[in-house]
């Protein structure tokens, strides 16, 4: 590859990263709750969010980063660049929208941008799948179980991040009874299992065997729900949605958020 084509490839990758960052973070940039959270979020929780997202983003980079390189150093650079791209991209958009102004408190503005950079950097890393050419998309061949778990966590994180800051999660948990929660849990597992079967590439003969469904349920559906449940709890904690809540209401809130998070986890195996 010539120096000119290498330079062009870097700029194309950067352009796709910017596009992916905007696509993933735009719903949150247009949401009022995400603006206000930056003014009062606990800095320690924000640090935890970013630090715990780094290993996941590194794993994503090894699979579908916005560059084709797979070396450790390049993957680390991809993650850092994705954060930088998302940070500055969202800064420009929020400034144009008037959310962040010249006289905005620097600490609050920085917190808002760090929050927005999490989904934005995820979009930047997935840019090859979102806005790249299909010929450059990663192949399913060679995907191992760790890759599946990474994909499940990616889908769960994206949808949980979108909904965790909203008041509706808490409101729905208050409106639901124990039977509602159990029914929602069962529905979540049912929908997730349907997605898991659709993405399993099993033949009709294999799907007729009960053992096949059991294996898929254990390896993908139930494991995916545990991942979605954990991420849902973590996101509700980060945004303070379960502060001062009883254990009972906390579990109901996690089950509510676990529905979109679980569906996002299972559906991501069809997309990524």
Protein backbone atom coordinates (compact mmCIF):
# COMPACT_ATOMS: atom_id res chain seq x y z
CA UNK A 1 0.00 0.00 0.00
CA UNK A 2 1.41 3.40 -1.00
CA UNK A 3 1.80 6.33 1.39
CA UNK A 4 -0.99 8.17 -0.45
CA UNK A 5 -3.45 5.28 -0.13
CA UNK A 6 -2.52 4.82 3.55
CA UNK A 7 -3.24 8.50 4.20
CA UNK A 8 -6.52 8.26 2.31
CA UNK A 9 -7.48 5.17 4.32
CA UNK A 10 -6.84 7.01 7.60
CA UNK A 11 -9.01 9.96 6.52
CA UNK A 12 -11.78 7.63 5.35
CA UNK A 13 -11.62 5.81 8.68
CA UNK A 14 -11.73 9.11 10.57
CA UNK A 15 -14.71 10.28 8.52
CA UNK A 16 -16.56 7.06 9.25
CA UNK A 17 -15.72 7.38 12.93
CA UNK A 18 -17.25 10.87 13.01
CA UNK A 19 -20.35 9.60 11.21
CA UNK A 20 -20.71 6.66 13.60
CA UNK A 21 -20.25 8.91 16.64
CA UNK A 22 -23.03 11.24 15.47
CA UNK A 23 -25.42 8.38 14.64
CA UNK A 24 -25.02 6.73 18.04
CA UNK A 25 -24.96 9.85 20.21
CA UNK A 26 -27.59 11.94 18.40
CA UNK A 27 -30.61 10.48 20.29
CA UNK A 28 -28.93 11.40 23.59
CA UNK A 29 -27.74 14.79 22.39
CA UNK A 30 -31.39 15.66 21.70
CA UNK A 31 -32.61 14.43 25.11
CA UNK A 32 -33.09 16.93 27.93
CA UNK A 33 -32.27 14.43 30.69
CA UNK A 34 -28.78 13.96 29.27
CA UNK A 35 -28.17 17.71 29.35
CA UNK A 36 -29.12 18.09 33.00
CA UNK A 37 -27.34 14.98 34.25
CA UNK A 38 -24.03 16.61 33.41
CA UNK A 39 -24.73 19.30 35.99
CA UNK A 40 -25.20 16.97 38.96
CA UNK A 41 -23.74 13.54 38.16
CA UNK A 42 -21.34 12.18 40.76
CA UNK A 43 -17.83 12.46 39.26
CA UNK A 44 -16.91 9.09 40.77
CA UNK A 45 -19.78 7.39 38.94
CA UNK A 46 -18.78 9.07 35.71
CA UNK A 47 -15.21 7.82 36.16
CA UNK A 48 -16.50 4.30 36.80
CA UNK A 49 -18.60 4.48 33.63
CA UNK A 50 -15.66 5.44 31.48
CA UNK A 51 -13.15 3.07 33.07
CA UNK A 52 -15.47 0.07 32.82
CA UNK A 53 -16.35 0.89 29.22
CA UNK A 54 -12.69 0.80 28.13
CA UNK A 55 -12.25 -3.02 28.22
CA UNK A 56 -15.49 -3.50 26.28
CA UNK A 57 -14.49 -0.92 23.69
CA UNK A 58 -11.09 -2.56 23.33
CA UNK A 59 -12.78 -5.90 22.63
CA UNK A 60 -15.03 -4.20 20.07
CA UNK A 61 -11.99 -2.65 18.42
CA UNK A 62 -10.38 -6.08 18.00
CA UNK A 63 -13.51 -7.16 16.09
CA UNK A 64 -14.88 -4.20 14.14
CA UNK A 65 -12.81 -1.11 14.84
CA UNK A 66 -12.90 1.71 12.31
CA UNK A 67 -9.51 0.58 11.05
CA UNK A 68 -8.65 -2.89 9.73
CA UNK A 69 -5.50 -3.25 11.85
CA UNK A 70 -5.73 -5.87 14.64
CA UNK A 71 -2.53 -5.26 16.64
CA UNK A 72 -2.77 -4.45 20.36
CA UNK A 73 -1.24 -1.01 19.94
CA UNK A 74 -3.52 -0.11 17.05
CA UNK A 75 -6.58 -1.29 18.93
CA UNK A 76 -5.66 0.86 21.94
CA UNK A 77 -5.15 3.82 19.63
CA UNK A 78 -8.54 3.12 18.02
CA UNK A 79 -10.25 3.29 21.43
CA UNK A 80 -8.50 6.52 22.41
CA UNK A 81 -9.14 8.11 19.03
CA UNK A 82 -12.79 7.07 19.17
CA UNK A 83 -13.18 8.85 22.52
CA UNK A 84 -11.50 11.96 21.17
CA UNK A 85 -13.61 11.94 17.99
CA UNK A 86 -16.82 11.48 19.99
CA UNK A 87 -15.85 14.16 22.52
CA UNK A 88 -15.11 16.87 19.95
CA UNK A 89 -17.96 15.87 17.62
CA UNK A 90 -20.56 16.10 20.39
CA UNK A 91 -18.98 19.33 21.63
CA UNK A 92 -19.54 20.94 18.24
CA UNK A 93 -23.11 19.64 17.91
CA UNK A 94 -24.13 20.65 21.46
CA UNK A 95 -22.58 24.09 21.00
CA UNK A 96 -24.51 24.61 17.76
CA UNK A 97 -27.70 23.44 19.50
CA UNK A 98 -27.13 25.94 22.30
CA UNK A 99 -26.92 23.27 25.01
CA UNK A 100 -23.33 24.23 25.81
CA UNK A 101 -22.62 27.93 25.73
CA UNK A 102 -19.59 30.11 26.20
CA UNK A 103 -20.63 30.91 29.77
CA UNK A 104 -21.48 27.29 30.71
CA UNK A 105 -19.63 26.05 33.78
CA UNK A 106 -16.53 24.23 32.45
CA UNK A 107 -16.93 21.32 34.88
CA UNK A 108 -20.57 20.77 33.90
CA UNK A 109 -19.78 21.08 30.20
CA UNK A 110 -16.95 18.58 30.56
CA UNK A 111 -19.23 16.11 32.37
CA UNK A 112 -21.89 16.42 29.66
CA UNK A 113 -19.33 15.78 26.94
CA UNK A 114 -17.79 12.82 28.75
CA UNK A 115 -21.24 11.25 29.06
CA UNK A 116 -22.02 11.83 25.40
CA UNK A 117 -18.61 10.47 24.42
CA UNK A 118 -19.48 6.97 25.68
CA UNK A 119 -22.18 6.18 23.07
CA UNK A 120 -20.35 8.36 20.56
CA UNK A 121 -17.12 6.40 20.88
CA UNK A 122 -19.10 3.18 20.56
CA UNK A 123 -20.50 4.48 17.28
CA UNK A 124 -17.04 5.50 16.13
CA UNK A 125 -15.70 2.00 16.75
CA UNK A 126 -18.64 0.40 14.94
CA UNK A 127 -18.37 2.84 12.03
CA UNK A 128 -17.25 0.17 9.57
CA UNK A 129 -20.50 -1.72 10.19
CA UNK A 130 -22.73 1.36 10.23
CA UNK A 131 -21.45 3.54 7.41
CA UNK A 132 -18.68 1.44 5.90
CA UNK A 133 -18.86 -0.63 2.77
CA UNK A 134 -20.36 -4.06 3.20
CA UNK A 135 -17.28 -5.63 1.69
CA UNK A 136 -15.29 -4.35 4.65
CA UNK A 137 -17.66 -5.71 7.27
CA UNK A 138 -16.24 -8.41 9.50
CA UNK A 139 -17.10 -11.98 8.66
CA UNK A 140 -19.11 -14.19 11.01
CA UNK A 141 -16.61 -16.93 10.28
CA UNK A 142 -14.06 -17.19 13.04
CA UNK A 143 -16.29 -15.51 15.63
CA UNK A 144 -15.79 -17.18 18.99
CA UNK A 145 -17.89 -17.21 22.15
CA UNK A 146 -15.99 -14.24 23.64
CA UNK A 147 -16.92 -12.26 20.54
CA UNK A 148 -20.57 -13.22 21.05
CA UNK A 149 -20.44 -12.01 24.65
CA UNK A 150 -18.86 -8.75 23.51
CA UNK A 151 -21.61 -8.24 20.96
CA UNK A 152 -24.29 -8.99 23.56
CA UNK A 153 -22.77 -6.44 25.94
CA UNK A 154 -22.50 -3.85 23.16
CA UNK A 155 -26.19 -4.04 22.25
CA UNK A 156 -27.24 -4.02 25.91
CA UNK A 157 -25.07 -1.01 26.73
CA UNK A 158 -26.33 1.06 23.80
CA UNK A 159 -30.04 0.72 24.55
CA UNK A 160 -29.57 0.84 28.34
CA UNK A 161 -27.58 4.06 27.97
CA UNK A 162 -30.38 5.60 25.88
CA UNK A 163 -33.13 4.86 28.41
CA UNK A 164 -31.50 4.73 31.86
CA UNK A 165 -31.50 8.55 32.37
CA UNK A 166 -35.23 8.88 31.66
CA UNK A 167 -37.82 9.16 34.42
CA UNK A 168 -40.02 6.58 32.69
CA UNK A 169 -37.82 3.73 33.96
CA UNK A 170 -38.58 4.64 37.57
CA UNK A 171 -42.22 5.48 36.84
CA UNK A 172 -42.85 2.12 35.16
CA UNK A 173 -41.24 0.25 38.04
CA UNK A 174 -43.64 1.95 40.47
CA UNK A 175 -46.66 1.11 38.31
CA UNK A 176 -45.74 -2.56 37.94
CA UNK A 177 -46.65 -5.31 40.39
CA UNK A 178 -44.56 -8.41 41.05
CA UNK A 179 -46.61 -10.30 38.45
CA UNK A 180 -45.98 -7.58 35.91
CA UNK A 181 -42.25 -7.84 36.58
CA UNK A 182 -42.24 -11.61 36.23
CA UNK A 183 -44.28 -11.38 33.02
CA UNK A 184 -41.88 -8.79 31.62
CA UNK A 185 -38.93 -10.99 32.54
CA UNK A 186 -40.50 -13.95 30.73
CA UNK A 187 -41.31 -11.78 27.70
CA UNK A 188 -37.75 -10.49 27.60
CA UNK A 189 -36.33 -14.01 27.59
CA UNK A 190 -38.83 -15.09 24.93
CA UNK A 191 -37.94 -12.22 22.58
CA UNK A 192 -34.23 -12.67 23.23
CA UNK A 193 -34.47 -16.39 22.48
CA UNK A 194 -36.25 -15.67 19.21
CA UNK A 195 -33.41 -13.36 18.18
CA UNK A 196 -30.84 -15.91 19.37
CA UNK A 197 -32.41 -18.62 17.20
CA UNK A 198 -32.58 -16.28 14.21
CA UNK A 199 -28.88 -15.50 14.52
CA UNK A 200 -27.73 -19.03 15.31
CA UNK A 201 -27.51 -20.20 11.67
CA UNK A 202 -28.91 -23.61 12.70
CA UNK A 203 -30.58 -25.81 10.13
CA UNK A 204 -34.27 -26.75 10.32
CA UNK A 205 -33.34 -30.26 11.36
CA UNK A 206 -31.19 -28.96 14.21
CA UNK A 207 -33.92 -26.59 15.42
CA UNK A 208 -36.38 -29.49 15.66
CA UNK A 209 -34.23 -30.98 18.41
CA UNK A 210 -34.94 -29.70 21.91
CA UNK A 211 -31.27 -29.94 22.86
CA UNK A 212 -30.45 -27.27 20.26
CA UNK A 213 -32.88 -24.80 21.84
CA UNK A 214 -31.51 -25.62 25.28
CA UNK A 215 -27.91 -25.00 24.19
CA UNK A 216 -28.86 -21.69 22.56
CA UNK A 217 -30.86 -20.68 25.65
CA UNK A 218 -27.98 -21.38 28.02
CA UNK A 219 -25.15 -19.98 25.87
CA UNK A 220 -26.89 -16.94 24.38
CA UNK A 221 -30.33 -16.15 25.82
CA UNK A 222 -29.77 -16.61 29.54
CA UNK A 223 -26.17 -15.39 29.44
CA UNK A 224 -27.24 -12.38 27.37
CA UNK A 225 -29.94 -11.54 29.89
CA UNK A 226 -27.49 -11.73 32.78
CA UNK A 227 -25.24 -9.32 30.89
CA UNK A 228 -28.19 -7.02 30.13
CA UNK A 229 -29.40 -7.19 33.75
CA UNK A 230 -25.94 -6.30 35.09
CA UNK A 231 -25.49 -3.44 32.64
CA UNK A 232 -29.01 -2.16 33.40
CA UNK A 233 -28.28 -2.09 37.13
CA UNK A 234 -24.97 -0.35 36.53
CA UNK A 235 -26.48 2.29 34.25
CA UNK A 236 -29.32 3.04 36.68
CA UNK A 237 -26.72 3.42 39.43
CA UNK A 238 -24.54 5.72 37.32
CA UNK A 239 -27.45 8.04 36.61
CA UNK A 240 -28.75 7.93 40.18
CA UNK A 241 -32.11 6.46 39.16
CA UNK A 242 -32.09 3.89 41.97
CA UNK A 243 -30.73 6.06 44.73
CA UNK A 244 -32.86 5.86 47.89
CA UNK A 245 -34.92 3.07 46.32
CA UNK A 246 -35.85 -0.09 48.20
CA UNK A 247 -34.36 -3.38 47.06
CA UNK A 248 -37.77 -4.41 45.69
CA UNK A 249 -38.19 -1.25 43.59
CA UNK A 250 -34.58 -1.42 42.48
CA UNK A 251 -35.04 -4.94 41.10
CA UNK A 252 -38.25 -3.89 39.34
CA UNK A 253 -36.45 -0.92 37.80
CA UNK A 254 -33.64 -3.15 36.55
CA UNK A 255 -36.18 -5.59 35.09
CA UNK A 256 -37.87 -2.69 33.26
CA UNK A 257 -34.59 -1.44 31.78
CA UNK A 258 -33.52 -5.04 31.20
CA UNK A 259 -36.24 -5.43 28.58
CA UNK A 260 -34.77 -2.99 26.02
CA UNK A 261 -31.24 -3.87 27.11
CA UNK A 262 -31.91 -7.58 26.62
CA UNK A 263 -33.58 -7.06 23.26
CA UNK A 264 -30.67 -4.85 22.19
CA UNK A 265 -28.20 -7.51 23.29
CA UNK A 266 -29.92 -10.30 21.37
CA UNK A 267 -30.65 -8.20 18.28
CA UNK A 268 -27.03 -7.03 18.06
CA UNK A 269 -25.97 -10.53 17.00
CA UNK A 270 -28.02 -10.03 13.82
CA UNK A 271 -26.53 -6.61 13.15
CA UNK A 272 -22.85 -6.85 14.08
